[in-house]
Amino acid sequence: MSTLATIEGLLQNQAGRPPIEKWHPDLSGDIDIRICADGRWIHEGGEIKRHKLVQLFASILRREDDGEYYLVTPVEKWRVAVEDLPLLIVDLEVSEATDQERRVVVKTNVDSWFELGSDHPLMVETDPLSGEPSPAVMTEHGLLARVNRACFYRLVELAETQGDRLLLCTAGQSFELGRV
């Protein structure tokens, strides 16, 4: 468990992000960048291995109403391919205080932190054939982040059973993780 100060620090000590919601250039075309389901970024067949470069690209990535993903600058907009979801949740911190509700913050594979709650909800879809849960968190700019298995198990450990539902309560919200 983390202290509330630690949680606040994670959320506030993030580098500024470009104001891509204000940028609306015309489509420049498709760029040969593919974001793999395992979080790797591939450009022209080769993996982008520099983490800082992936972070930079992720900071200008958004999903638009057409369901497509774009890298956006003030003057260019390039469509990229995404296999599953563009981001992964790879870590989380939990704070529990006796006088306040539990807070859960999650970390993406590009080192951004988001607090689970109404602005960044946790959603779990279940595959109808396999029954396998498919959890994701809404981050920003229309981007969802797939919750990795280890983090999902940690969230399940925090959840409570209410009837036949498994619920995670945080920041005044309840998120259903599945049925028991």
N, C-alpha and C. Protein backbone atom coordinates (compact mmCIF):
# COMPACT_ATOMS: atom_id res chain seq x y z
N MET A 1 0.83 -1.19 0.00
CA MET A 1 0.00 0.00 0.00
C MET A 1 0.88 1.25 0.00
N SER A 2 0.46 2.22 -0.73
CA SER A 2 1.17 3.48 -0.82
C SER A 2 0.48 4.53 0.03
N THR A 3 1.21 5.58 0.36
CA THR A 3 0.60 6.68 1.09
C THR A 3 -0.14 7.56 0.09
N LEU A 4 -1.05 8.39 0.60
CA LEU A 4 -1.75 9.31 -0.28
C LEU A 4 -0.78 10.28 -0.93
N ALA A 5 0.27 10.68 -0.21
CA ALA A 5 1.27 11.59 -0.78
C ALA A 5 1.98 10.94 -1.97
N THR A 6 2.25 9.63 -1.86
CA THR A 6 2.89 8.92 -2.97
C THR A 6 1.98 8.91 -4.19
N ILE A 7 0.71 8.62 -3.98
CA ILE A 7 -0.26 8.61 -5.07
C ILE A 7 -0.33 9.99 -5.74
N GLU A 8 -0.44 11.04 -4.94
CA GLU A 8 -0.49 12.40 -5.48
C GLU A 8 0.76 12.72 -6.28
N GLY A 9 1.91 12.30 -5.76
CA GLY A 9 3.17 12.55 -6.45
C GLY A 9 3.23 11.87 -7.81
N LEU A 10 2.74 10.64 -7.90
CA LEU A 10 2.74 9.93 -9.17
C LEU A 10 1.89 10.64 -10.21
N LEU A 11 0.76 11.18 -9.77
CA LEU A 11 -0.15 11.84 -10.69
C LEU A 11 0.33 13.23 -11.10
N GLN A 12 1.03 13.93 -10.20
CA GLN A 12 1.43 15.30 -10.48
C GLN A 12 2.82 15.42 -11.09
N ASN A 13 3.69 14.47 -10.86
CA ASN A 13 5.07 14.58 -11.34
C ASN A 13 5.24 13.99 -12.74
N GLN A 14 4.29 14.25 -13.60
CA GLN A 14 4.38 13.78 -14.97
C GLN A 14 4.72 14.96 -15.87
N ALA A 15 5.57 14.71 -16.83
CA ALA A 15 5.95 15.78 -17.76
C ALA A 15 4.71 16.27 -18.50
N GLY A 16 4.73 17.53 -18.88
CA GLY A 16 3.62 18.11 -19.62
C GLY A 16 3.37 17.36 -20.92
N ARG A 17 2.14 17.32 -21.31
CA ARG A 17 1.77 16.62 -22.53
C ARG A 17 1.36 17.64 -23.58
N PRO A 18 1.65 17.36 -24.84
CA PRO A 18 1.26 18.29 -25.90
C PRO A 18 -0.26 18.43 -25.97
N PRO A 19 -0.75 19.60 -26.36
CA PRO A 19 -2.21 19.82 -26.42
C PRO A 19 -2.81 19.29 -27.71
N ILE A 20 -2.72 17.97 -27.92
CA ILE A 20 -3.16 17.41 -29.21
C ILE A 20 -4.66 17.55 -29.44
N GLU A 21 -5.43 17.76 -28.37
CA GLU A 21 -6.86 17.95 -28.55
C GLU A 21 -7.15 19.26 -29.29
N LYS A 22 -6.18 20.17 -29.37
CA LYS A 22 -6.35 21.44 -30.07
C LYS A 22 -5.86 21.38 -31.51
N TRP A 23 -5.21 20.30 -31.88
CA TRP A 23 -4.61 20.19 -33.21
C TRP A 23 -5.54 19.41 -34.13
N HIS A 24 -5.88 19.98 -35.29
CA HIS A 24 -6.80 19.35 -36.23
C HIS A 24 -6.32 19.51 -37.67
N PRO A 25 -5.12 19.02 -37.98
CA PRO A 25 -4.65 19.11 -39.37
C PRO A 25 -5.37 18.10 -40.25
N ASP A 26 -5.28 18.31 -41.55
CA ASP A 26 -5.83 17.34 -42.50
C ASP A 26 -4.99 16.07 -42.45
N LEU A 27 -5.59 14.96 -42.86
CA LEU A 27 -4.88 13.68 -42.89
C LEU A 27 -3.72 13.75 -43.86
N SER A 28 -2.55 13.39 -43.38
CA SER A 28 -1.35 13.35 -44.23
C SER A 28 -1.21 12.00 -44.92
N GLY A 29 -1.85 10.97 -44.34
CA GLY A 29 -1.79 9.63 -44.93
C GLY A 29 -1.53 8.58 -43.88
N ASP A 30 -1.14 7.41 -44.34
CA ASP A 30 -0.81 6.30 -43.45
C ASP A 30 0.70 6.28 -43.27
N ILE A 31 1.14 5.93 -42.08
CA ILE A 31 2.56 5.76 -41.81
C ILE A 31 2.78 4.31 -41.41
N ASP A 32 3.89 3.75 -41.79
CA ASP A 32 4.17 2.34 -41.53
C ASP A 32 4.62 2.15 -40.08
N ILE A 33 3.68 2.41 -39.18
CA ILE A 33 3.89 2.16 -37.75
C ILE A 33 2.75 1.27 -37.29
N ARG A 34 3.12 0.20 -36.59
CA ARG A 34 2.13 -0.73 -36.04
C ARG A 34 2.41 -0.89 -34.55
N ILE A 35 1.36 -0.77 -33.75
CA ILE A 35 1.49 -1.00 -32.31
C ILE A 35 0.96 -2.40 -32.05
N CYS A 36 1.86 -3.27 -31.59
CA CYS A 36 1.52 -4.68 -31.36
C CYS A 36 0.72 -4.83 -30.07
N ALA A 37 0.01 -5.94 -29.97
CA ALA A 37 -0.78 -6.24 -28.77
C ALA A 37 0.09 -6.34 -27.52
N ASP A 38 1.37 -6.68 -27.68
CA ASP A 38 2.26 -6.79 -26.53
C ASP A 38 2.96 -5.47 -26.19
N GLY A 39 2.56 -4.37 -26.85
CA GLY A 39 3.08 -3.05 -26.52
C GLY A 39 4.26 -2.60 -27.36
N ARG A 40 4.79 -3.47 -28.21
CA ARG A 40 5.92 -3.07 -29.06
C ARG A 40 5.43 -2.17 -30.19
N TRP A 41 6.27 -1.21 -30.55
CA TRP A 41 6.00 -0.32 -31.69
C TRP A 41 6.93 -0.75 -32.82
N ILE A 42 6.36 -1.00 -33.99
CA ILE A 42 7.10 -1.47 -35.15
C ILE A 42 7.04 -0.39 -36.23
N HIS A 43 8.20 0.00 -36.76
CA HIS A 43 8.27 0.98 -37.86
C HIS A 43 9.02 0.36 -39.02
N GLU A 44 8.36 0.26 -40.16
CA GLU A 44 8.92 -0.32 -41.37
C GLU A 44 9.57 -1.68 -41.09
N GLY A 45 8.90 -2.50 -40.30
CA GLY A 45 9.35 -3.87 -40.03
C GLY A 45 10.30 -4.02 -38.86
N GLY A 46 10.85 -2.92 -38.34
CA GLY A 46 11.78 -3.01 -37.22
C GLY A 46 11.19 -2.40 -35.96
N GLU A 47 11.51 -3.02 -34.83
CA GLU A 47 10.99 -2.54 -33.56
C GLU A 47 11.67 -1.24 -33.14
N ILE A 48 10.87 -0.29 -32.68
CA ILE A 48 11.41 0.94 -32.10
C ILE A 48 11.82 0.59 -30.67
N LYS A 49 13.10 0.56 -30.41
CA LYS A 49 13.58 0.10 -29.11
C LYS A 49 13.89 1.23 -28.14
N ARG A 50 13.97 2.46 -28.63
CA ARG A 50 14.24 3.59 -27.74
C ARG A 50 12.96 3.97 -27.02
N HIS A 51 12.93 3.73 -25.71
CA HIS A 51 11.73 3.97 -24.91
C HIS A 51 11.29 5.44 -24.99
N LYS A 52 12.24 6.36 -24.99
CA LYS A 52 11.90 7.79 -25.05
C LYS A 52 11.20 8.13 -26.37
N LEU A 53 11.59 7.47 -27.45
CA LEU A 53 10.94 7.70 -28.73
C LEU A 53 9.51 7.16 -28.73
N VAL A 54 9.32 5.99 -28.14
CA VAL A 54 7.97 5.44 -28.01
C VAL A 54 7.12 6.36 -27.14
N GLN A 55 7.69 6.87 -26.05
CA GLN A 55 6.96 7.82 -25.20
C GLN A 55 6.55 9.06 -25.98
N LEU A 56 7.46 9.57 -26.80
CA LEU A 56 7.16 10.76 -27.61
C LEU A 56 6.01 10.47 -28.56
N PHE A 57 6.09 9.35 -29.29
CA PHE A 57 5.01 9.00 -30.21
C PHE A 57 3.69 8.81 -29.46
N ALA A 58 3.74 8.14 -28.31
CA ALA A 58 2.51 7.92 -27.54
C ALA A 58 1.90 9.23 -27.06
N SER A 59 2.72 10.25 -26.83
CA SER A 59 2.21 11.54 -26.35
C SER A 59 1.45 12.30 -27.42
N ILE A 60 1.61 11.91 -28.70
CA ILE A 60 0.88 12.59 -29.77
C ILE A 60 -0.09 11.63 -30.48
N LEU A 61 -0.43 10.53 -29.79
CA LEU A 61 -1.34 9.53 -30.33
C LEU A 61 -2.75 9.78 -29.83
N ARG A 62 -3.72 9.67 -30.72
CA ARG A 62 -5.12 9.76 -30.29
C ARG A 62 -5.97 8.86 -31.18
N ARG A 63 -7.13 8.52 -30.63
CA ARG A 63 -8.15 7.78 -31.38
C ARG A 63 -9.27 8.74 -31.68
N GLU A 64 -9.70 8.74 -32.93
CA GLU A 64 -10.75 9.67 -33.32
C GLU A 64 -12.08 8.94 -33.47
N ASP A 65 -13.12 9.70 -33.77
CA ASP A 65 -14.48 9.15 -33.84
C ASP A 65 -14.64 8.07 -34.89
N ASP A 66 -13.75 8.02 -35.88
CA ASP A 66 -13.82 6.99 -36.91
C ASP A 66 -13.23 5.66 -36.43
N GLY A 67 -12.73 5.63 -35.17
CA GLY A 67 -12.17 4.41 -34.60
C GLY A 67 -10.72 4.18 -34.97
N GLU A 68 -10.14 5.07 -35.75
CA GLU A 68 -8.74 4.94 -36.18
C GLU A 68 -7.82 5.68 -35.21
N TYR A 69 -6.54 5.28 -35.24
CA TYR A 69 -5.51 5.89 -34.40
C TYR A 69 -4.60 6.75 -35.26
N TYR A 70 -4.23 7.92 -34.71
CA TYR A 70 -3.43 8.88 -35.46
C TYR A 70 -2.32 9.46 -34.58
N LEU A 71 -1.16 9.67 -35.20
CA LEU A 71 -0.11 10.50 -34.62
C LEU A 71 -0.38 11.91 -35.14
N VAL A 72 -0.49 12.87 -34.22
CA VAL A 72 -0.94 14.21 -34.60
C VAL A 72 0.08 15.26 -34.13
N THR A 73 0.40 16.17 -35.05
CA THR A 73 1.20 17.36 -34.73
C THR A 73 0.35 18.56 -35.14
N PRO A 74 0.82 19.77 -34.90
CA PRO A 74 0.02 20.93 -35.35
C PRO A 74 -0.21 20.97 -36.86
N VAL A 75 0.67 20.34 -37.66
CA VAL A 75 0.54 20.45 -39.12
C VAL A 75 0.37 19.11 -39.84
N GLU A 76 0.51 17.98 -39.13
CA GLU A 76 0.39 16.68 -39.78
C GLU A 76 -0.45 15.72 -38.95
N LYS A 77 -1.08 14.77 -39.65
CA LYS A 77 -1.85 13.71 -38.99
C LYS A 77 -1.62 12.43 -39.78
N TRP A 78 -1.02 11.43 -39.11
CA TRP A 78 -0.68 10.17 -39.75
C TRP A 78 -1.42 9.02 -39.08
N ARG A 79 -2.08 8.20 -39.88
CA ARG A 79 -2.81 7.03 -39.37
C ARG A 79 -1.81 5.90 -39.10
N VAL A 80 -1.97 5.24 -37.93
CA VAL A 80 -1.13 4.10 -37.56
C VAL A 80 -2.03 2.89 -37.32
N ALA A 81 -1.45 1.71 -37.40
CA ALA A 81 -2.19 0.46 -37.17
C ALA A 81 -1.99 0.02 -35.72
N VAL A 82 -3.06 -0.48 -35.12
CA VAL A 82 -3.02 -0.96 -33.74
C VAL A 82 -3.65 -2.35 -33.70
N GLU A 83 -2.89 -3.34 -33.22
CA GLU A 83 -3.38 -4.73 -33.20
C GLU A 83 -4.51 -4.94 -32.20
N ASP A 84 -4.34 -4.45 -30.97
CA ASP A 84 -5.37 -4.62 -29.94
C ASP A 84 -5.70 -3.25 -29.38
N LEU A 85 -4.97 -2.83 -28.38
CA LEU A 85 -5.08 -1.49 -27.82
C LEU A 85 -3.69 -0.87 -27.84
N PRO A 86 -3.59 0.46 -27.92
CA PRO A 86 -2.28 1.08 -28.10
C PRO A 86 -1.40 1.12 -26.86
N LEU A 87 -1.98 0.96 -25.69
CA LEU A 87 -1.22 1.05 -24.45
C LEU A 87 -1.46 -0.18 -23.58
N LEU A 88 -0.56 -0.40 -22.64
CA LEU A 88 -0.70 -1.48 -21.67
C LEU A 88 -0.61 -0.91 -20.26
N ILE A 89 -1.40 -1.46 -19.35
CA ILE A 89 -1.23 -1.16 -17.92
C ILE A 89 -0.25 -2.19 -17.39
N VAL A 90 0.87 -1.70 -16.85
CA VAL A 90 1.96 -2.59 -16.43
C VAL A 90 2.24 -2.55 -14.93
N ASP A 91 1.63 -1.61 -14.21
CA ASP A 91 1.85 -1.51 -12.77
C ASP A 91 0.71 -0.74 -12.16
N LEU A 92 0.61 -0.81 -10.85
CA LEU A 92 -0.40 -0.03 -10.14
C LEU A 92 0.05 0.22 -8.72
N GLU A 93 -0.51 1.27 -8.14
CA GLU A 93 -0.28 1.60 -6.74
C GLU A 93 -1.64 1.77 -6.09
N VAL A 94 -1.73 1.38 -4.84
CA VAL A 94 -2.99 1.44 -4.10
C VAL A 94 -2.75 2.18 -2.81
N SER A 95 -3.67 3.06 -2.46
CA SER A 95 -3.60 3.76 -1.19
C SER A 95 -4.90 3.52 -0.45
N GLU A 96 -4.78 3.19 0.80
CA GLU A 96 -5.96 3.05 1.62
C GLU A 96 -5.76 3.82 2.90
N ALA A 97 -6.65 4.75 3.13
CA ALA A 97 -6.59 5.54 4.35
C ALA A 97 -7.87 5.30 5.13
N THR A 98 -7.78 5.34 6.44
CA THR A 98 -8.95 5.06 7.27
C THR A 98 -10.02 6.12 7.11
N ASP A 99 -9.62 7.37 6.82
CA ASP A 99 -10.61 8.44 6.72
C ASP A 99 -11.02 8.75 5.27
N GLN A 100 -10.42 8.06 4.31
CA GLN A 100 -10.76 8.30 2.92
C GLN A 100 -10.92 6.97 2.19
N GLU A 101 -11.51 7.07 1.00
CA GLU A 101 -11.68 5.88 0.19
C GLU A 101 -10.35 5.43 -0.41
N ARG A 102 -10.31 4.21 -0.79
CA ARG A 102 -9.16 3.65 -1.51
C ARG A 102 -8.98 4.41 -2.82
N ARG A 103 -7.72 4.59 -3.19
CA ARG A 103 -7.38 5.16 -4.49
C ARG A 103 -6.45 4.19 -5.19
N VAL A 104 -6.71 3.97 -6.47
CA VAL A 104 -5.87 3.09 -7.28
C VAL A 104 -5.39 3.90 -8.48
N VAL A 105 -4.07 3.94 -8.66
CA VAL A 105 -3.50 4.57 -9.84
C VAL A 105 -2.78 3.49 -10.64
N VAL A 106 -2.88 3.60 -11.95
CA VAL A 106 -2.28 2.60 -12.84
C VAL A 106 -1.24 3.27 -13.73
N LYS A 107 -0.22 2.49 -14.08
CA LYS A 107 0.89 2.99 -14.90
C LYS A 107 0.88 2.29 -16.26
N THR A 108 1.04 3.08 -17.31
CA THR A 108 1.10 2.51 -18.65
C THR A 108 2.54 2.13 -19.01
N ASN A 109 2.67 1.41 -20.09
CA ASN A 109 3.99 1.03 -20.59
C ASN A 109 4.79 2.21 -21.11
N VAL A 110 4.18 3.41 -21.20
CA VAL A 110 4.92 4.62 -21.59
C VAL A 110 5.06 5.56 -20.39
N ASP A 111 4.91 4.99 -19.18
CA ASP A 111 5.19 5.68 -17.91
C ASP A 111 4.21 6.79 -17.55
N SER A 112 2.99 6.74 -18.04
CA SER A 112 1.96 7.68 -17.64
C SER A 112 1.10 7.04 -16.55
N TRP A 113 0.68 7.85 -15.59
CA TRP A 113 -0.15 7.37 -14.48
C TRP A 113 -1.55 7.94 -14.60
N PHE A 114 -2.55 7.11 -14.28
CA PHE A 114 -3.95 7.52 -14.30
C PHE A 114 -4.65 6.94 -13.08
N GLU A 115 -5.49 7.76 -12.45
CA GLU A 115 -6.25 7.28 -11.30
C GLU A 115 -7.56 6.66 -11.77
N LEU A 116 -7.82 5.42 -11.37
CA LEU A 116 -9.10 4.78 -11.71
C LEU A 116 -10.22 5.58 -11.06
N GLY A 117 -11.23 5.88 -11.83
CA GLY A 117 -12.37 6.66 -11.35
C GLY A 117 -13.23 7.04 -12.53
N SER A 118 -14.04 8.07 -12.36
CA SER A 118 -14.97 8.45 -13.43
C SER A 118 -14.26 8.97 -14.68
N ASP A 119 -13.11 9.63 -14.52
CA ASP A 119 -12.37 10.13 -15.68
C ASP A 119 -11.60 9.03 -16.39
N HIS A 120 -11.19 8.01 -15.64
CA HIS A 120 -10.40 6.91 -16.19
C HIS A 120 -10.98 5.59 -15.70
N PRO A 121 -12.13 5.21 -16.28
CA PRO A 121 -12.80 3.99 -15.81
C PRO A 121 -12.09 2.70 -16.24
N LEU A 122 -12.29 1.70 -15.42
CA LEU A 122 -11.84 0.34 -15.72
C LEU A 122 -13.02 -0.40 -16.32
N MET A 123 -12.80 -1.04 -17.46
CA MET A 123 -13.85 -1.79 -18.14
C MET A 123 -13.37 -3.21 -18.36
N VAL A 124 -14.24 -4.16 -18.12
CA VAL A 124 -13.87 -5.56 -18.33
C VAL A 124 -14.92 -6.21 -19.22
N GLU A 125 -14.48 -6.61 -20.41
CA GLU A 125 -15.34 -7.39 -21.30
C GLU A 125 -14.95 -8.85 -21.13
N THR A 126 -15.91 -9.74 -21.29
CA THR A 126 -15.65 -11.17 -21.17
C THR A 126 -15.92 -11.84 -22.50
N ASP A 127 -14.96 -12.61 -22.95
CA ASP A 127 -15.11 -13.34 -24.21
C ASP A 127 -16.24 -14.35 -24.03
N PRO A 128 -17.28 -14.31 -24.87
CA PRO A 128 -18.42 -15.20 -24.69
C PRO A 128 -18.08 -16.69 -24.88
N LEU A 129 -17.06 -16.99 -25.66
CA LEU A 129 -16.69 -18.39 -25.89
C LEU A 129 -15.78 -18.93 -24.81
N SER A 130 -14.73 -18.19 -24.48
CA SER A 130 -13.73 -18.69 -23.53
C SER A 130 -14.02 -18.28 -22.09
N GLY A 131 -14.81 -17.22 -21.91
CA GLY A 131 -15.05 -16.69 -20.57
C GLY A 131 -13.87 -15.88 -20.05
N GLU A 132 -12.86 -15.66 -20.89
CA GLU A 132 -11.64 -14.93 -20.53
C GLU A 132 -11.95 -13.44 -20.39
N PRO A 133 -11.57 -12.83 -19.25
CA PRO A 133 -11.78 -11.39 -19.10
C PRO A 133 -10.79 -10.61 -19.95
N SER A 134 -11.21 -9.45 -20.41
CA SER A 134 -10.37 -8.57 -21.22
C SER A 134 -10.47 -7.16 -20.64
N PRO A 135 -9.67 -6.88 -19.58
CA PRO A 135 -9.78 -5.58 -18.89
C PRO A 135 -9.01 -4.47 -19.60
N ALA A 136 -9.55 -3.26 -19.53
CA ALA A 136 -8.90 -2.09 -20.12
C ALA A 136 -9.26 -0.85 -19.29
N VAL A 137 -8.41 0.16 -19.39
CA VAL A 137 -8.62 1.43 -18.71
C VAL A 137 -8.64 2.54 -19.76
N MET A 138 -9.62 3.44 -19.66
CA MET A 138 -9.65 4.61 -20.53
C MET A 138 -8.61 5.59 -20.00
N THR A 139 -7.67 6.00 -20.85
CA THR A 139 -6.62 6.91 -20.41
C THR A 139 -6.97 8.33 -20.84
N GLU A 140 -6.51 8.75 -22.02
CA GLU A 140 -6.82 10.08 -22.52
C GLU A 140 -6.83 10.05 -24.04
N HIS A 141 -7.43 11.05 -24.64
CA HIS A 141 -7.48 11.19 -26.10
C HIS A 141 -8.11 9.97 -26.78
N GLY A 142 -9.07 9.36 -26.10
CA GLY A 142 -9.78 8.21 -26.67
C GLY A 142 -9.00 6.92 -26.64
N LEU A 143 -7.88 6.89 -25.92
CA LEU A 143 -7.02 5.71 -25.90
C LEU A 143 -7.35 4.80 -24.73
N LEU A 144 -7.47 3.52 -25.03
CA LEU A 144 -7.63 2.50 -24.00
C LEU A 144 -6.29 1.81 -23.77
N ALA A 145 -6.08 1.36 -22.55
CA ALA A 145 -4.87 0.60 -22.21
C ALA A 145 -5.30 -0.77 -21.69
N ARG A 146 -4.76 -1.82 -22.28
CA ARG A 146 -5.04 -3.19 -21.86
C ARG A 146 -4.35 -3.44 -20.52
N VAL A 147 -5.07 -3.97 -19.56
CA VAL A 147 -4.50 -4.30 -18.25
C VAL A 147 -3.81 -5.65 -18.36
N ASN A 148 -2.51 -5.69 -18.02
CA ASN A 148 -1.81 -6.97 -18.12
C ASN A 148 -2.33 -7.93 -17.05
N ARG A 149 -2.03 -9.19 -17.21
CA ARG A 149 -2.56 -10.24 -16.34
C ARG A 149 -2.18 -10.04 -14.88
N ALA A 150 -0.90 -9.70 -14.62
CA ALA A 150 -0.45 -9.52 -13.23
C ALA A 150 -1.20 -8.39 -12.54
N CYS A 151 -1.39 -7.28 -13.25
CA CYS A 151 -2.13 -6.15 -12.65
C CYS A 151 -3.59 -6.50 -12.45
N PHE A 152 -4.18 -7.24 -13.38
CA PHE A 152 -5.58 -7.63 -13.21
C PHE A 152 -5.74 -8.53 -11.99
N TYR A 153 -4.82 -9.46 -11.78
CA TYR A 153 -4.89 -10.31 -10.59
C TYR A 153 -4.78 -9.48 -9.32
N ARG A 154 -3.94 -8.45 -9.34
CA ARG A 154 -3.83 -7.57 -8.17
C ARG A 154 -5.15 -6.83 -7.93
N LEU A 155 -5.80 -6.41 -8.99
CA LEU A 155 -7.10 -5.74 -8.85
C LEU A 155 -8.15 -6.70 -8.31
N VAL A 156 -8.11 -7.94 -8.77
CA VAL A 156 -9.05 -8.96 -8.28
C VAL A 156 -8.86 -9.17 -6.78
N GLU A 157 -7.61 -9.17 -6.33
CA GLU A 157 -7.34 -9.32 -4.89
C GLU A 157 -7.93 -8.18 -4.07
N LEU A 158 -8.04 -7.01 -4.66
CA LEU A 158 -8.60 -5.84 -3.97
C LEU A 158 -10.12 -5.81 -4.00
N ALA A 159 -10.71 -6.59 -4.88
CA ALA A 159 -12.15 -6.54 -5.11
C ALA A 159 -12.91 -7.25 -4.00
N GLU A 160 -14.19 -6.92 -3.94
CA GLU A 160 -15.11 -7.52 -2.97
C GLU A 160 -16.25 -8.19 -3.71
N THR A 161 -16.76 -9.25 -3.12
CA THR A 161 -17.90 -9.95 -3.71
C THR A 161 -19.18 -9.31 -3.21
N GLN A 162 -20.05 -8.96 -4.17
CA GLN A 162 -21.38 -8.45 -3.84
C GLN A 162 -22.37 -9.25 -4.68
N GLY A 163 -23.06 -10.15 -4.00
CA GLY A 163 -23.91 -11.09 -4.72
C GLY A 163 -23.03 -12.00 -5.55
N ASP A 164 -23.29 -12.06 -6.86
CA ASP A 164 -22.44 -12.89 -7.73
C ASP A 164 -21.44 -12.04 -8.51
N ARG A 165 -21.31 -10.76 -8.14
CA ARG A 165 -20.40 -9.85 -8.85
C ARG A 165 -19.14 -9.59 -8.04
N LEU A 166 -18.04 -9.44 -8.74
CA LEU A 166 -16.76 -9.08 -8.13
C LEU A 166 -16.53 -7.61 -8.45
N LEU A 167 -16.54 -6.75 -7.40
CA LEU A 167 -16.47 -5.31 -7.61
C LEU A 167 -15.21 -4.72 -6.99
N LEU A 168 -14.58 -3.81 -7.74
CA LEU A 168 -13.47 -3.03 -7.23
C LEU A 168 -14.01 -1.63 -6.96
N CYS A 169 -13.90 -1.19 -5.73
CA CYS A 169 -14.37 0.14 -5.36
C CYS A 169 -13.18 1.05 -5.14
N THR A 170 -13.17 2.18 -5.84
CA THR A 170 -12.10 3.15 -5.73
C THR A 170 -12.59 4.51 -6.20
N ALA A 171 -12.15 5.55 -5.52
CA ALA A 171 -12.47 6.94 -5.90
C ALA A 171 -13.96 7.16 -6.09
N GLY A 172 -14.77 6.55 -5.24
CA GLY A 172 -16.21 6.73 -5.32
C GLY A 172 -16.89 5.98 -6.45
N GLN A 173 -16.18 5.11 -7.12
CA GLN A 173 -16.72 4.34 -8.24
C GLN A 173 -16.62 2.85 -7.94
N SER A 174 -17.49 2.09 -8.56
CA SER A 174 -17.42 0.63 -8.48
C SER A 174 -17.26 0.08 -9.89
N PHE A 175 -16.26 -0.79 -10.06
CA PHE A 175 -15.99 -1.39 -11.35
C PHE A 175 -16.15 -2.88 -11.24
N GLU A 176 -17.00 -3.44 -12.10
CA GLU A 176 -17.22 -4.89 -12.08
C GLU A 176 -16.08 -5.60 -12.82
N LEU A 177 -15.44 -6.51 -12.12
CA LEU A 177 -14.32 -7.27 -12.69
C LEU A 177 -14.79 -8.58 -13.29
N GLY A 178 -15.95 -9.05 -12.88
CA GLY A 178 -16.47 -10.29 -13.40
C GLY A 178 -17.52 -10.86 -12.47
N ARG A 179 -17.95 -12.06 -12.78
CA ARG A 179 -18.95 -12.78 -11.97
C ARG A 179 -18.27 -13.93 -11.27
N VAL A 180 -18.78 -14.26 -10.07
CA VAL A 180 -18.23 -15.39 -9.32
C VAL A 180 -19.23 -16.53 -9.29
